[in-house]
Amino acid sequence: MGLASTKLLLDNPRVDSFEPIEVEALVDSGALFLCIPDHIANQLQLKETSKKEITTADGKRQLCPYVGPVHVRFGNRECYVGAVVLGDEVLLGAVPMEDLDLVVIPSERRVIANPLNPNFAADVAKV
């Protein structure tokens, strides 16, 4: 796929007095979670709720703090997810991408709201 990146707004929904943080996120549809560096977790005062065992691209496994909730915004879309504290940049994985109903345009190395649902995120549910 190559590398794609996008801008996101992140904030802590439990702390009303904080301004959202605008970040540049690496987009990786092969990863599952939102990953954030320690300094972002600290700025948002996110609390660790548990640990997740993460396998990195080089095959190494490590236990990482899982924090949240994180309020993620992209254009007219938003979601609330947990985040793994790992690395030195924000990484947007498949779970928040699905929740936000985003698609990757590989040839342009960018992320857009799903053109089939331009006004709000949509999903399939069985009832």
Protein backbone atom coordinates (compact mmCIF):
# COMPACT_ATOMS: atom_id res chain seq x y z
CA MET A 1 0.00 0.00 0.00
CA GLY A 2 2.81 2.43 0.74
CA LEU A 3 2.64 5.03 3.44
CA ALA A 4 -0.28 7.38 3.98
CA SER A 5 -0.78 9.99 6.64
CA THR A 6 -3.57 12.26 7.79
CA LYS A 7 -4.36 14.92 10.36
CA LEU A 8 -6.51 14.01 13.37
CA LEU A 9 -7.79 15.84 16.42
CA LEU A 10 -7.37 13.91 19.67
CA ASP A 11 -8.78 14.78 23.07
CA ASN A 12 -9.74 13.31 26.40
CA PRO A 13 -13.55 13.32 26.76
CA ARG A 14 -13.19 13.09 30.54
CA VAL A 15 -11.39 16.46 30.79
CA ASP A 16 -13.46 19.35 29.42
CA SER A 17 -10.84 22.01 30.10
CA PHE A 18 -8.29 20.62 27.59
CA GLU A 19 -8.02 21.77 24.00
CA PRO A 20 -7.83 19.00 21.37
CA ILE A 21 -4.38 18.16 20.04
CA GLU A 22 -3.92 18.18 16.27
CA VAL A 23 -1.60 15.37 15.19
CA GLU A 24 -0.20 13.94 11.99
CA ALA A 25 -0.97 10.22 12.00
CA LEU A 26 0.63 7.45 10.00
CA VAL A 27 -2.18 5.32 8.55
CA ASP A 28 -1.72 1.54 8.72
CA SER A 29 -4.69 -0.63 7.74
CA GLY A 30 -2.62 -3.67 8.75
CA ALA A 31 -2.52 -2.49 12.37
CA LEU A 32 -5.57 -2.76 14.61
CA PHE A 33 -5.39 -0.01 17.19
CA LEU A 34 -4.77 3.67 17.58
CA CYS A 35 -1.19 3.96 18.84
CA ILE A 36 0.02 7.14 20.50
CA PRO A 37 3.38 8.17 21.93
CA ASP A 38 3.80 8.59 25.66
CA HIS A 39 3.97 12.40 25.43
CA ILE A 40 0.50 12.53 23.78
CA ALA A 41 -0.97 10.24 26.48
CA ASN A 42 0.57 12.52 29.11
CA GLN A 43 -0.68 15.75 27.50
CA LEU A 44 -4.22 14.37 27.39
CA GLN A 45 -3.91 12.89 30.90
CA LEU A 46 -5.16 9.52 29.68
CA LYS A 47 -5.33 6.81 32.32
CA GLU A 48 -4.03 3.31 31.78
CA THR A 49 -6.90 0.82 31.98
CA SER A 50 -5.02 -2.36 31.07
CA LYS A 51 -2.14 -3.73 28.98
CA LYS A 52 -2.10 -5.13 25.44
CA GLU A 53 0.49 -7.46 23.99
CA ILE A 54 1.57 -5.92 20.69
CA THR A 55 3.59 -7.53 17.90
CA THR A 56 5.57 -4.87 16.05
CA ALA A 57 6.50 -4.96 12.36
CA ASP A 58 9.88 -6.52 13.19
CA GLY A 59 8.13 -9.47 14.90
CA LYS A 60 8.95 -8.45 18.47
CA ARG A 61 6.25 -8.77 21.11
CA GLN A 62 5.90 -6.33 23.96
CA LEU A 63 3.41 -5.46 26.64
CA CYS A 64 2.14 -1.88 26.23
CA PRO A 65 -0.14 0.37 28.28
CA TYR A 66 -3.70 0.66 26.97
CA VAL A 67 -5.27 4.05 27.75
CA GLY A 68 -8.53 5.78 27.09
CA PRO A 69 -10.99 6.75 26.11
CA VAL A 70 -9.62 8.92 23.31
CA HIS A 71 -11.97 11.11 21.30
CA VAL A 72 -10.75 11.00 17.68
CA ARG A 73 -12.00 13.45 15.05
CA PHE A 74 -11.46 13.48 11.30
CA GLY A 75 -13.44 16.12 9.40
CA ASN A 76 -17.13 15.58 10.18
CA ARG A 77 -16.49 12.18 11.82
CA GLU A 78 -15.70 11.15 15.36
CA CYS A 79 -15.18 8.03 17.43
CA TYR A 80 -14.13 7.02 20.92
CA VAL A 81 -11.43 4.36 21.21
CA GLY A 82 -8.73 3.07 23.47
CA ALA A 83 -5.12 3.62 22.46
CA VAL A 84 -1.92 1.65 22.83
CA VAL A 85 0.97 3.76 24.14
CA LEU A 86 3.79 2.84 21.77
CA GLY A 87 6.31 4.49 19.49
CA ASP A 88 7.19 8.07 18.68
CA GLU A 89 4.33 8.96 16.33
CA VAL A 90 0.57 8.51 16.14
CA LEU A 91 -0.55 5.46 14.16
CA LEU A 92 -4.14 5.07 12.97
CA GLY A 93 -5.10 1.39 12.71
CA ALA A 94 -8.07 -0.47 11.25
CA VAL A 95 -10.41 -0.32 14.29
CA PRO A 96 -10.69 3.49 14.45
CA MET A 97 -10.58 3.70 10.63
CA GLU A 98 -13.64 1.44 10.43
CA ASP A 99 -15.41 3.35 13.20
CA LEU A 100 -14.77 6.65 11.38
CA ASP A 101 -15.72 5.06 7.99
CA LEU A 102 -12.49 6.17 6.31
CA VAL A 103 -10.87 4.83 3.16
CA VAL A 104 -7.29 4.97 1.96
CA ILE A 105 -6.47 6.19 -1.55
CA PRO A 106 -3.13 4.39 -2.05
CA SER A 107 -2.16 6.11 -5.32
CA GLU A 108 -2.50 9.51 -3.63
CA ARG A 109 -1.20 8.40 -0.21
CA ARG A 110 -4.13 9.99 1.56
CA VAL A 111 -7.17 9.17 3.65
CA ILE A 112 -10.71 10.40 2.96
CA ALA A 113 -14.18 9.97 4.38
CA ASN A 114 -15.98 7.15 2.59
CA PRO A 115 -17.47 8.79 -0.53
CA LEU A 116 -20.47 6.45 -0.32
CA ASN A 117 -21.32 8.06 3.04
CA PRO A 118 -20.10 11.66 2.80
CA ASN A 119 -22.25 13.20 5.57
CA PHE A 120 -21.78 10.70 8.39
CA ALA A 121 -20.00 7.45 9.15
CA ALA A 122 -21.97 4.32 8.26
CA ASP A 123 -21.59 0.66 9.10
CA VAL A 124 -23.36 -2.66 8.62
CA ALA A 125 -25.23 -4.26 11.51
CA LYS A 126 -27.33 -7.40 11.61
CA VAL A 127 -30.53 -7.26 13.65
